[in-house]
PDB file of all heavy atoms in Angstrom:
ATOM      1  N   VAL A   1     -33.506  57.616  41.475  1.00  0.00           N
ATOM      2  CA  VAL A   1     -34.043  58.091  40.298  1.00  0.00           C
ATOM      3  C   VAL A   1     -35.699  57.853  40.337  1.00  0.00           C
ATOM      4  O   VAL A   1     -36.043  56.938  40.951  1.00  0.00           O
ATOM      5  CB  VAL A   1     -33.500  57.300  39.085  1.00  0.00           C
ATOM      6  CG1 VAL A   1     -33.824  55.887  39.123  1.00  0.00           C
ATOM      7  CG2 VAL A   1     -33.942  57.937  37.798  1.00  0.00           C
ATOM      8  N   GLN A   2     -36.427  58.733  39.669  1.00  0.00           N
ATOM      9  CA  GLN A   2     -37.777  58.562  39.553  1.00  0.00           C
ATOM     10  C   GLN A   2     -38.237  57.517  38.595  1.00  0.00           C
ATOM     11  O   GLN A   2     -37.484  57.244  37.568  1.00  0.00           O
ATOM     12  CB  GLN A   2     -38.467  59.896  39.181  1.00  0.00           C
ATOM     13  CG  GLN A   2     -38.472  60.911  40.324  1.00  0.00           C
ATOM     14  CD  GLN A   2     -39.224  62.157  39.913  1.00  0.00           C
ATOM     15  OE1 GLN A   2     -39.466  62.449  38.795  1.00  0.00           O
ATOM     16  NE2 GLN A   2     -39.748  62.849  40.908  1.00  0.00           N
ATOM     17  N   ALA A   3     -39.396  56.949  38.756  1.00  0.00           N
ATOM     18  CA  ALA A   3     -39.850  55.964  37.783  1.00  0.00           C
ATOM     19  C   ALA A   3     -39.966  56.633  36.346  1.00  0.00           C
ATOM     20  O   ALA A   3     -40.285  57.737  36.238  1.00  0.00           O
ATOM     21  CB  ALA A   3     -41.289  55.461  38.181  1.00  0.00           C
ATOM     22  N   GLY A   4     -39.392  55.735  35.345  1.00  0.00           N
ATOM     23  CA  GLY A   4     -39.424  56.287  34.041  1.00  0.00           C
ATOM     24  C   GLY A   4     -37.995  56.814  33.646  1.00  0.00           C
ATOM     25  O   GLY A   4     -37.740  57.099  32.478  1.00  0.00           O
ATOM     26  N   GLY A   5     -37.221  57.071  34.720  1.00  0.00           N
ATOM     27  CA  GLY A   5     -35.890  57.592  34.417  1.00  0.00           C
ATOM     28  C   GLY A   5     -34.807  56.621  33.988  1.00  0.00           C
ATOM     29  O   GLY A   5     -35.210  55.424  33.798  1.00  0.00           O
ATOM     30  N   SER A   6     -33.611  57.012  33.905  1.00  0.00           N
ATOM     31  CA  SER A   6     -32.565  56.138  33.370  1.00  0.00           C
ATOM     32  C   SER A   6     -31.298  56.254  34.315  1.00  0.00           C
ATOM     33  O   SER A   6     -31.093  57.315  34.980  1.00  0.00           O
ATOM     34  CB  SER A   6     -32.092  56.582  31.944  1.00  0.00           C
ATOM     35  OG  SER A   6     -33.118  56.344  31.049  1.00  0.00           O
ATOM     36  N   LEU A   7     -30.566  55.208  34.370  1.00  0.00           N
ATOM     37  CA  LEU A   7     -29.270  55.259  35.056  1.00  0.00           C
ATOM     38  C   LEU A   7     -28.322  54.315  34.314  1.00  0.00           C
ATOM     39  O   LEU A   7     -28.766  53.347  33.635  1.00  0.00           O
ATOM     40  CB  LEU A   7     -29.315  54.659  36.497  1.00  0.00           C
ATOM     41  CG  LEU A   7     -29.823  55.568  37.586  1.00  0.00           C
ATOM     42  CD1 LEU A   7     -29.903  54.745  38.904  1.00  0.00           C
ATOM     43  CD2 LEU A   7     -28.958  56.720  37.704  1.00  0.00           C
ATOM     44  N   ARG A   8     -27.006  54.575  34.349  1.00  0.00           N
ATOM     45  CA  ARG A   8     -25.993  53.758  33.772  1.00  0.00           C
ATOM     46  C   ARG A   8     -25.092  53.277  34.849  1.00  0.00           C
ATOM     47  O   ARG A   8     -24.379  54.169  35.461  1.00  0.00           O
ATOM     48  CB  ARG A   8     -25.213  54.387  32.651  1.00  0.00           C
ATOM     49  CG  ARG A   8     -24.296  53.494  31.882  1.00  0.00           C
ATOM     50  CD  ARG A   8     -23.642  54.164  30.791  1.00  0.00           C
ATOM     51  NE  ARG A   8     -22.433  54.791  31.184  1.00  0.00           N
ATOM     52  CZ  ARG A   8     -21.383  55.039  30.433  1.00  0.00           C
ATOM     53  NH1 ARG A   8     -21.471  54.691  29.131  1.00  0.00           N
ATOM     54  NH2 ARG A   8     -20.425  55.761  30.814  1.00  0.00           N
ATOM     55  N   LEU A   9     -24.970  52.013  35.105  1.00  0.00           N
ATOM     56  CA  LEU A   9     -24.131  51.493  36.025  1.00  0.00           C
ATOM     57  C   LEU A   9     -22.705  51.060  35.260  1.00  0.00           C
ATOM     58  O   LEU A   9     -22.805  50.634  34.117  1.00  0.00           O
ATOM     59  CB  LEU A   9     -24.595  50.244  36.757  1.00  0.00           C
ATOM     60  CG  LEU A   9     -26.052  50.425  37.290  1.00  0.00           C
ATOM     61  CD1 LEU A   9     -26.399  49.086  38.041  1.00  0.00           C
ATOM     62  CD2 LEU A   9     -26.036  51.541  38.374  1.00  0.00           C
ATOM     63  N   SER A  10     -21.640  51.163  36.064  1.00  0.00           N
ATOM     64  CA  SER A  10     -20.271  50.803  35.497  1.00  0.00           C
ATOM     65  C   SER A  10     -19.686  49.769  36.452  1.00  0.00           C
ATOM     66  O   SER A  10     -19.917  49.731  37.588  1.00  0.00           O
ATOM     67  CB  SER A  10     -19.439  51.921  35.287  1.00  0.00           C
ATOM     68  OG  SER A  10     -19.935  52.937  34.463  1.00  0.00           O
ATOM     69  N   CYS A  11     -18.973  48.880  35.768  1.00  0.00           N
ATOM     70  CA  CYS A  11     -18.225  47.791  36.571  1.00  0.00           C
ATOM     71  C   CYS A  11     -16.819  47.745  35.912  1.00  0.00           C
ATOM     72  O   CYS A  11     -16.588  47.295  34.790  1.00  0.00           O
ATOM     73  CB  CYS A  11     -18.943  46.441  36.493  1.00  0.00           C
ATOM     74  SG  CYS A  11     -17.849  45.076  37.194  1.00  0.00           S
ATOM     75  N   ALA A  12     -15.807  48.347  36.794  1.00  0.00           N
ATOM     76  CA  ALA A  12     -14.447  48.254  36.298  1.00  0.00           C
ATOM     77  C   ALA A  12     -13.829  47.008  36.851  1.00  0.00           C
ATOM     78  O   ALA A  12     -13.816  46.657  38.013  1.00  0.00           O
ATOM     79  CB  ALA A  12     -13.722  49.503  36.766  1.00  0.00           C
ATOM     80  N   ALA A  13     -13.155  46.219  35.940  1.00  0.00           N
ATOM     81  CA  ALA A  13     -12.532  44.987  36.277  1.00  0.00           C
ATOM     82  C   ALA A  13     -10.999  45.094  36.249  1.00  0.00           C
ATOM     83  O   ALA A  13     -10.450  45.627  35.281  1.00  0.00           O
ATOM     84  CB  ALA A  13     -13.007  43.845  35.439  1.00  0.00           C
ATOM     85  N   SER A  14     -10.357  44.584  37.197  1.00  0.00           N
ATOM     86  CA  SER A  14      -8.853  44.536  37.265  1.00  0.00           C
ATOM     87  C   SER A  14      -8.496  43.210  36.603  1.00  0.00           C
ATOM     88  O   SER A  14      -9.304  42.275  36.494  1.00  0.00           O
ATOM     89  CB  SER A  14      -8.294  44.611  38.576  1.00  0.00           C
ATOM     90  OG  SER A  14      -8.690  43.517  39.382  1.00  0.00           O
ATOM     91  N   GLY A  15      -7.231  43.150  36.260  1.00  0.00           N
ATOM     92  CA  GLY A  15      -6.705  41.764  35.702  1.00  0.00           C
ATOM     93  C   GLY A  15      -6.875  41.694  34.284  1.00  0.00           C
ATOM     94  O   GLY A  15      -7.587  42.427  33.592  1.00  0.00           O
ATOM     95  N   SER A  16      -6.200  40.766  33.688  1.00  0.00           N
ATOM     96  CA  SER A  16      -6.068  40.592  32.240  1.00  0.00           C
ATOM     97  C   SER A  16      -7.147  39.591  31.724  1.00  0.00           C
ATOM     98  O   SER A  16      -7.141  39.382  30.467  1.00  0.00           O
ATOM     99  CB  SER A  16      -4.734  40.098  31.760  1.00  0.00           C
ATOM    100  OG  SER A  16      -4.404  38.849  32.507  1.00  0.00           O
ATOM    101  N   ILE A  17      -8.076  39.174  32.528  1.00  0.00           N
ATOM    102  CA  ILE A  17      -9.016  38.174  32.109  1.00  0.00           C
ATOM    103  C   ILE A  17     -10.160  38.773  31.429  1.00  0.00           C
ATOM    104  O   ILE A  17     -10.965  38.027  30.761  1.00  0.00           O
ATOM    105  CB  ILE A  17      -9.413  37.267  33.254  1.00  0.00           C
ATOM    106  CG1 ILE A  17     -10.131  38.155  34.269  1.00  0.00           C
ATOM    107  CG2 ILE A  17      -8.245  36.523  33.842  1.00  0.00           C
ATOM    108  CD1 ILE A  17     -11.426  37.661  34.631  1.00  0.00           C
ATOM    109  N   PHE A  18     -10.351  39.979  31.627  1.00  0.00           N
ATOM    110  CA  PHE A  18     -11.655  40.711  31.193  1.00  0.00           C
ATOM    111  C   PHE A  18     -12.036  40.299  29.789  1.00  0.00           C
ATOM    112  O   PHE A  18     -13.209  39.960  29.452  1.00  0.00           O
ATOM    113  CB  PHE A  18     -11.581  42.177  31.440  1.00  0.00           C
ATOM    114  CG  PHE A  18     -12.820  42.899  31.147  1.00  0.00           C
ATOM    115  CD1 PHE A  18     -13.844  42.998  32.024  1.00  0.00           C
ATOM    116  CD2 PHE A  18     -12.925  43.510  29.913  1.00  0.00           C
ATOM    117  CE1 PHE A  18     -15.055  43.702  31.768  1.00  0.00           C
ATOM    118  CE2 PHE A  18     -14.166  44.152  29.559  1.00  0.00           C
ATOM    119  CZ  PHE A  18     -15.248  44.187  30.488  1.00  0.00           C
ATOM    120  N   ASN A  19     -11.146  40.490  28.853  1.00  0.00           N
ATOM    121  CA  ASN A  19     -11.529  40.382  27.454  1.00  0.00           C
ATOM    122  C   ASN A  19     -11.987  39.067  27.051  1.00  0.00           C
ATOM    123  O   ASN A  19     -12.696  38.866  26.010  1.00  0.00           O
ATOM    124  CB  ASN A  19     -10.357  40.835  26.566  1.00  0.00           C
ATOM    125  CG  ASN A  19     -10.078  42.269  26.596  1.00  0.00           C
ATOM    126  OD1 ASN A  19     -10.747  43.044  27.314  1.00  0.00           O
ATOM    127  ND2 ASN A  19      -9.008  42.718  25.983  1.00  0.00           N
ATOM    128  N   ASN A  20     -11.578  38.021  27.805  1.00  0.00           N
ATOM    129  CA  ASN A  20     -11.883  36.664  27.438  1.00  0.00           C
ATOM    130  C   ASN A  20     -13.092  35.980  28.246  1.00  0.00           C
ATOM    131  O   ASN A  20     -13.355  34.819  28.193  1.00  0.00           O
ATOM    132  CB  ASN A  20     -10.672  35.732  27.677  1.00  0.00           C
ATOM    133  CG  ASN A  20      -9.541  36.240  26.775  1.00  0.00           C
ATOM    134  OD1 ASN A  20      -9.663  36.524  25.655  1.00  0.00           O
ATOM    135  ND2 ASN A  20      -8.374  36.282  27.391  1.00  0.00           N
ATOM    136  N   LYS A  21     -13.730  36.845  29.061  1.00  0.00           N
ATOM    137  CA  LYS A  21     -14.764  36.285  30.014  1.00  0.00           C
ATOM    138  C   LYS A  21     -16.111  36.895  29.773  1.00  0.00           C
ATOM    139  O   LYS A  21     -16.222  38.073  29.519  1.00  0.00           O
ATOM    140  CB  LYS A  21     -14.310  36.408  31.422  1.00  0.00           C
ATOM    141  CG  LYS A  21     -13.076  35.603  31.774  1.00  0.00           C
ATOM    142  CD  LYS A  21     -13.273  34.140  31.459  1.00  0.00           C
ATOM    143  CE  LYS A  21     -11.968  33.373  31.815  1.00  0.00           C
ATOM    144  NZ  LYS A  21     -12.190  31.875  31.512  1.00  0.00           N
ATOM    145  N   ALA A  22     -17.136  36.132  29.962  1.00  0.00           N
ATOM    146  CA  ALA A  22     -18.427  36.613  30.049  1.00  0.00           C
ATOM    147  C   ALA A  22     -18.621  37.400  31.311  1.00  0.00           C
ATOM    148  O   ALA A  22     -18.063  37.085  32.397  1.00  0.00           O
ATOM    149  CB  ALA A  22     -19.425  35.488  29.962  1.00  0.00           C
ATOM    150  N   MET A  23     -19.369  38.514  31.267  1.00  0.00           N
ATOM    151  CA  MET A  23     -19.613  39.278  32.443  1.00  0.00           C
ATOM    152  C   MET A  23     -21.143  39.346  32.667  1.00  0.00           C
ATOM    153  O   MET A  23     -21.941  39.358  31.784  1.00  0.00           O
ATOM    154  CB  MET A  23     -19.076  40.763  32.290  1.00  0.00           C
ATOM    155  CG  MET A  23     -17.614  40.882  31.938  1.00  0.00           C
ATOM    156  SD  MET A  23     -16.600  40.415  33.385  1.00  0.00           S
ATOM    157  CE  MET A  23     -17.037  41.653  34.567  1.00  0.00           C
ATOM    158  N   ASP A  24     -21.503  39.511  33.906  1.00  0.00           N
ATOM    159  CA  ASP A  24     -22.977  39.495  34.328  1.00  0.00           C
ATOM    160  C   ASP A  24     -23.276  40.623  35.246  1.00  0.00           C
ATOM    161  O   ASP A  24     -22.381  41.077  36.015  1.00  0.00           O
ATOM    162  CB  ASP A  24     -23.244  38.158  35.051  1.00  0.00           C
ATOM    163  CG  ASP A  24     -22.811  36.950  34.392  1.00  0.00           C
ATOM    164  OD1 ASP A  24     -23.282  36.567  33.295  1.00  0.00           O
ATOM    165  OD2 ASP A  24     -21.906  36.359  35.032  1.00  0.00           O
ATOM    166  N   TRP A  25     -24.396  41.043  35.261  1.00  0.00           N
ATOM    167  CA  TRP A  25     -25.083  41.877  36.278  1.00  0.00           C
ATOM    168  C   TRP A  25     -26.096  41.074  37.045  1.00  0.00           C
ATOM    169  O   TRP A  25     -26.970  40.521  36.340  1.00  0.00           O
ATOM    170  CB  TRP A  25     -25.636  43.172  35.736  1.00  0.00           C
ATOM    171  CG  TRP A  25     -24.578  44.221  35.278  1.00  0.00           C
ATOM    172  CD1 TRP A  25     -24.103  44.474  34.076  1.00  0.00           C
ATOM    173  CD2 TRP A  25     -24.016  45.195  36.219  1.00  0.00           C
ATOM    174  NE1 TRP A  25     -23.164  45.519  34.176  1.00  0.00           N
ATOM    175  CE2 TRP A  25     -23.102  46.005  35.411  1.00  0.00           C
ATOM    176  CE3 TRP A  25     -24.126  45.427  37.535  1.00  0.00           C
ATOM    177  CZ2 TRP A  25     -22.340  47.023  35.954  1.00  0.00           C
ATOM    178  CZ3 TRP A  25     -23.336  46.475  38.054  1.00  0.00           C
ATOM    179  CH2 TRP A  25     -22.487  47.176  37.297  1.00  0.00           C
ATOM    180  N   TYR A  26     -26.087  41.113  38.292  1.00  0.00           N
ATOM    181  CA  TYR A  26     -27.094  40.494  39.128  1.00  0.00           C
ATOM    182  C   TYR A  26     -27.768  41.661  39.957  1.00  0.00           C
ATOM    183  O   TYR A  26     -27.159  42.687  40.152  1.00  0.00           O
ATOM    184  CB  TYR A  26     -26.496  39.579  40.080  1.00  0.00           C
ATOM    185  CG  TYR A  26     -26.172  38.202  39.450  1.00  0.00           C
ATOM    186  CD1 TYR A  26     -25.052  37.960  38.691  1.00  0.00           C
ATOM    187  CD2 TYR A  26     -27.035  37.057  39.733  1.00  0.00           C
ATOM    188  CE1 TYR A  26     -24.791  36.704  38.085  1.00  0.00           C
ATOM    189  CE2 TYR A  26     -26.754  35.823  39.246  1.00  0.00           C
ATOM    190  CZ  TYR A  26     -25.645  35.645  38.428  1.00  0.00           C
ATOM    191  OH  TYR A  26     -25.309  34.393  37.969  1.00  0.00           O
ATOM    192  N   ARG A  27     -28.811  41.391  40.529  1.00  0.00           N
ATOM    193  CA  ARG A  27     -29.475  42.328  41.508  1.00  0.00           C
ATOM    194  C   ARG A  27     -30.173  41.561  42.686  1.00  0.00           C
ATOM    195  O   ARG A  27     -30.519  40.341  42.454  1.00  0.00           O
ATOM    196  CB  ARG A  27     -30.515  43.231  40.826  1.00  0.00           C
ATOM    197  CG  ARG A  27     -31.665  42.594  40.388  1.00  0.00           C
ATOM    198  CD  ARG A  27     -32.585  43.611  39.653  1.00  0.00           C
ATOM    199  NE  ARG A  27     -33.797  43.099  39.067  1.00  0.00           N
ATOM    200  CZ  ARG A  27     -34.633  43.645  38.328  1.00  0.00           C
ATOM    201  NH1 ARG A  27     -34.438  44.973  37.894  1.00  0.00           N
ATOM    202  NH2 ARG A  27     -35.714  43.094  37.937  1.00  0.00           N
ATOM    203  N   GLN A  28     -30.168  42.276  43.843  1.00  0.00           N
ATOM    204  CA  GLN A  28     -30.898  41.632  44.918  1.00  0.00           C
ATOM    205  C   GLN A  28     -31.743  42.713  45.571  1.00  0.00           C
ATOM    206  O   GLN A  28     -31.199  43.651  46.143  1.00  0.00           O
ATOM    207  CB  GLN A  28     -29.821  41.017  45.904  1.00  0.00           C
ATOM    208  CG  GLN A  28     -30.489  40.206  47.026  1.00  0.00           C
ATOM    209  CD  GLN A  28     -29.488  39.401  47.814  1.00  0.00           C
ATOM    210  OE1 GLN A  28     -28.299  39.669  47.718  1.00  0.00           O
ATOM    211  NE2 GLN A  28     -29.970  38.427  48.527  1.00  0.00           N
ATOM    212  N   ALA A  29     -33.044  42.532  45.585  1.00  0.00           N
ATOM    213  CA  ALA A  29     -33.901  43.393  46.342  1.00  0.00           C
ATOM    214  C   ALA A  29     -34.096  42.981  47.780  1.00  0.00           C
ATOM    215  O   ALA A  29     -33.815  41.775  48.069  1.00  0.00           O
ATOM    216  CB  ALA A  29     -35.308  43.430  45.562  1.00  0.00           C
ATOM    217  N   PRO A  30     -34.482  43.824  48.649  1.00  0.00           N
ATOM    218  CA  PRO A  30     -34.671  43.533  50.009  1.00  0.00           C
ATOM    219  C   PRO A  30     -35.593  42.308  50.283  1.00  0.00           C
ATOM    220  O   PRO A  30     -36.661  42.290  49.659  1.00  0.00           O
ATOM    221  CB  PRO A  30     -35.301  44.781  50.611  1.00  0.00           C
ATOM    222  CG  PRO A  30     -34.801  45.867  49.780  1.00  0.00           C
ATOM    223  CD  PRO A  30     -34.796  45.277  48.371  1.00  0.00           C
ATOM    224  N   GLY A  31     -35.154  41.319  50.903  1.00  0.00           N
ATOM    225  CA  GLY A  31     -35.975  40.170  51.232  1.00  0.00           C
ATOM    226  C   GLY A  31     -36.085  39.128  50.072  1.00  0.00           C
ATOM    227  O   GLY A  31     -36.885  38.235  50.140  1.00  0.00           O
ATOM    228  N   LYS A  32     -35.315  39.342  48.974  1.00  0.00           N
ATOM    229  CA  LYS A  32     -35.481  38.484  47.851  1.00  0.00           C
ATOM    230  C   LYS A  32     -34.090  37.889  47.532  1.00  0.00           C
ATOM    231  O   LYS A  32     -33.084  38.406  47.967  1.00  0.00           O
ATOM    232  CB  LYS A  32     -36.000  39.195  46.650  1.00  0.00           C
ATOM    233  CG  LYS A  32     -37.445  39.750  46.770  1.00  0.00           C
ATOM    234  CD  LYS A  32     -37.976  40.308  45.487  1.00  0.00           C
ATOM    235  CE  LYS A  32     -39.429  40.753  45.662  1.00  0.00           C
ATOM    236  NZ  LYS A  32     -39.921  41.225  44.318  1.00  0.00           N
ATOM    237  N   GLN A  33     -34.084  36.816  46.651  1.00  0.00           N
ATOM    238  CA  GLN A  33     -32.947  36.150  46.346  1.00  0.00           C
ATOM    239  C   GLN A  33     -32.224  37.042  45.181  1.00  0.00           C
ATOM    240  O   GLN A  33     -32.915  37.751  44.476  1.00  0.00           O
ATOM    241  CB  GLN A  33     -33.178  34.803  45.798  1.00  0.00           C
ATOM    242  CG  GLN A  33     -33.589  33.852  46.855  1.00  0.00           C
ATOM    243  CD  GLN A  33     -33.641  32.335  46.321  1.00  0.00           C
ATOM    244  OE1 GLN A  33     -33.964  32.188  45.181  1.00  0.00           O
ATOM    245  NE2 GLN A  33     -33.378  31.380  47.219  1.00  0.00           N
ATOM    246  N   ARG A  34     -30.887  36.907  45.130  1.00  0.00           N
ATOM    247  CA  ARG A  34     -30.219  37.519  44.088  1.00  0.00           C
ATOM    248  C   ARG A  34     -30.541  36.876  42.723  1.00  0.00           C
ATOM    249  O   ARG A  34     -30.754  35.649  42.610  1.00  0.00           O
ATOM    250  CB  ARG A  34     -28.670  37.355  44.323  1.00  0.00           C
ATOM    251  CG  ARG A  34     -27.839  38.167  43.368  1.00  0.00           C
ATOM    252  CD  ARG A  34     -26.311  38.160  43.908  1.00  0.00           C
ATOM    253  NE  ARG A  34     -26.151  38.744  45.197  1.00  0.00           N
ATOM    254  CZ  ARG A  34     -24.977  39.009  45.671  1.00  0.00           C
ATOM    255  NH1 ARG A  34     -23.836  38.723  45.016  1.00  0.00           N
ATOM    256  NH2 ARG A  34     -24.906  39.523  46.882  1.00  0.00           N
ATOM    257  N   GLU A  35     -30.772  37.743  41.718  1.00  0.00           N
ATOM    258  CA  GLU A  35     -31.203  37.201  40.405  1.00  0.00           C
ATOM    259  C   GLU A  35     -30.364  37.791  39.364  1.00  0.00           C
ATOM    260  O   GLU A  35     -29.877  38.914  39.414  1.00  0.00           O
ATOM    261  CB  GLU A  35     -32.654  37.611  40.154  1.00  0.00           C
ATOM    262  CG  GLU A  35     -32.974  39.160  40.062  1.00  0.00           C
ATOM    263  CD  GLU A  35     -34.345  39.374  39.576  1.00  0.00           C
ATOM    264  OE1 GLU A  35     -35.094  38.544  39.189  1.00  0.00           O
ATOM    265  OE2 GLU A  35     -34.735  40.635  39.641  1.00  0.00           O
ATOM    266  N   LEU A  36     -30.190  37.022  38.280  1.00  0.00           N
ATOM    267  CA  LEU A  36     -29.352  37.402  37.105  1.00  0.00           C
ATOM    268  C   LEU A  36     -30.229  38.348  36.305  1.00  0.00           C
ATOM    269  O   LEU A  36     -31.333  38.080  35.960  1.00  0.00           O
ATOM    270  CB  LEU A  36     -29.007  36.172  36.228  1.00  0.00           C
ATOM    271  CG  LEU A  36     -28.290  36.432  35.037  1.00  0.00           C
ATOM    272  CD1 LEU A  36     -26.840  37.016  35.265  1.00  0.00           C
ATOM    273  CD2 LEU A  36     -28.111  35.073  34.224  1.00  0.00           C
ATOM    274  N   VAL A  37     -29.649  39.516  35.914  1.00  0.00           N
ATOM    275  CA  VAL A  37     -30.215  40.598  35.194  1.00  0.00           C
ATOM    276  C   VAL A  37     -29.839  40.460  33.743  1.00  0.00           C
ATOM    277  O   VAL A  37     -30.633  40.570  32.816  1.00  0.00           O
ATOM    278  CB  VAL A  37     -29.948  41.894  35.800  1.00  0.00           C
ATOM    279  CG1 VAL A  37     -30.496  43.036  34.954  1.00  0.00           C
ATOM    280  CG2 VAL A  37     -30.420  42.035  37.189  1.00  0.00           C
TER     281      VAL A  37
END
């Protein structure tokens, strides 16, 4: 995507735990540590 644009990521979870748990998105750029988003 070009700078200024938008994207929507999806994460589908299996199992029955989903409704009771916190969910996170992390990201990792090349050469960098994974970070909580």
